[in-house]
Amino acid sequence: MANTLKSKVVRGELVEVVEGSGFLGGSDYQLVVGGQIKAQSKDLNYILSEFDRIW
């Protein structure tokens, strides 16, 4: 099950930071723009920095 941690709308597209279940039960984070995964990492700080760069 995925949880949205942060979201915003940029140029009419929804940008989200999503936490999901990773391989073997760990957590992974995704940067989703307009319904497409743009970045994926186990490092939340990396995904949040990518989220902040989109404007």
C-alpha atoms as a PDB file:
ATOM      1  CA  MET A   1       0.000   0.000   0.000  1.00  0.00           C
ATOM      2  CA  ALA A   2       1.377   3.410  -0.969  1.00  0.00           C
ATOM      3  CA  ASN A   3       1.167   6.526   1.197  1.00  0.00           C
ATOM      4  CA  THR A   4       1.484  10.032  -0.227  1.00  0.00           C
ATOM      5  CA  LEU A   5       3.885  12.011   1.975  1.00  0.00           C
ATOM      6  CA  LYS A   6       3.928  15.294   0.053  1.00  0.00           C
ATOM      7  CA  SER A   7       2.201  16.694  -3.007  1.00  0.00           C
ATOM      8  CA  LYS A   8       1.887  19.841  -5.095  1.00  0.00           C
ATOM      9  CA  VAL A   9       0.604  20.873  -8.507  1.00  0.00           C
ATOM     10  CA  VAL A  10       3.155  22.276 -10.966  1.00  0.00           C
ATOM     11  CA  ARG A  11       2.108  23.462 -14.427  1.00  0.00           C
ATOM     12  CA  GLY A  12      -1.115  21.492 -14.147  1.00  0.00           C
ATOM     13  CA  GLU A  13       0.570  18.208 -13.161  1.00  0.00           C
ATOM     14  CA  LEU A  14       0.358  16.520  -9.781  1.00  0.00           C
ATOM     15  CA  VAL A  15       3.789  15.950  -8.208  1.00  0.00           C
ATOM     16  CA  GLU A  16       3.886  13.496  -5.286  1.00  0.00           C
ATOM     17  CA  VAL A  17       6.354  11.877  -2.914  1.00  0.00           C
ATOM     18  CA  VAL A  18       5.020   8.376  -2.303  1.00  0.00           C
ATOM     19  CA  GLU A  19       6.175   5.839   0.294  1.00  0.00           C
ATOM     20  CA  GLY A  20       5.699   2.233  -0.669  1.00  0.00           C
ATOM     21  CA  SER A  21       6.692  -1.239   0.400  1.00  0.00           C
ATOM     22  CA  GLY A  22      10.080  -2.094  -0.979  1.00  0.00           C
ATOM     23  CA  PHE A  23      11.690  -5.425  -1.705  1.00  0.00           C
ATOM     24  CA  LEU A  24      11.809  -7.754   1.338  1.00  0.00           C
ATOM     25  CA  GLY A  25       9.630  -5.480   3.450  1.00  0.00           C
ATOM     26  CA  GLY A  26      11.789  -2.345   3.455  1.00  0.00           C
ATOM     27  CA  SER A  27      10.438   1.061   2.504  1.00  0.00           C
ATOM     28  CA  ASP A  28      11.167   2.811  -0.743  1.00  0.00           C
ATOM     29  CA  TYR A  29      10.176   6.258  -1.937  1.00  0.00           C
ATOM     30  CA  GLN A  30       9.048   7.437  -5.339  1.00  0.00           C
ATOM     31  CA  LEU A  31       8.770  10.815  -6.993  1.00  0.00           C
ATOM     32  CA  VAL A  32       5.659  10.640  -9.170  1.00  0.00           C
ATOM     33  CA  VAL A  33       4.942  13.374 -11.737  1.00  0.00           C
ATOM     34  CA  GLY A  34       1.705  13.262 -13.695  1.00  0.00           C
ATOM     35  CA  GLY A  35       1.176   9.614 -12.763  1.00  0.00           C
ATOM     36  CA  GLN A  36       4.648   8.490 -13.912  1.00  0.00           C
ATOM     37  CA  ILE A  37       7.531   7.516 -11.641  1.00  0.00           C
ATOM     38  CA  LYS A  38      10.396   9.959 -12.235  1.00  0.00           C
ATOM     39  CA  ALA A  39      12.707   8.790  -9.423  1.00  0.00           C
ATOM     40  CA  GLN A  40      12.813   5.955  -6.914  1.00  0.00           C
ATOM     41  CA  SER A  41      15.105   5.467  -3.928  1.00  0.00           C
ATOM     42  CA  LYS A  42      15.334   4.101  -0.409  1.00  0.00           C
ATOM     43  CA  ASP A  43      16.711   7.523   0.606  1.00  0.00           C
ATOM     44  CA  LEU A  44      13.826   9.838   1.531  1.00  0.00           C
ATOM     45  CA  ASN A  45      16.111  12.894   1.649  1.00  0.00           C
ATOM     46  CA  TYR A  46      17.121  12.345  -1.976  1.00  0.00           C
ATOM     47  CA  ILE A  47      13.492  12.079  -3.117  1.00  0.00           C
ATOM     48  CA  LEU A  48      12.523  15.183  -1.110  1.00  0.00           C
ATOM     49  CA  SER A  49      15.375  17.170  -2.677  1.00  0.00           C
ATOM     50  CA  GLU A  50      14.198  16.118  -6.152  1.00  0.00           C
ATOM     51  CA  PHE A  51      10.632  17.112  -5.184  1.00  0.00           C
ATOM     52  CA  ASP A  52      11.842  20.571  -4.108  1.00  0.00           C
ATOM     53  CA  ARG A  53      13.702  21.054  -7.422  1.00  0.00           C
ATOM     54  CA  ILE A  54      10.475  20.763  -9.452  1.00  0.00           C
ATOM     55  CA  TRP A  55       8.740  24.161  -9.820  1.00  0.00           C
END
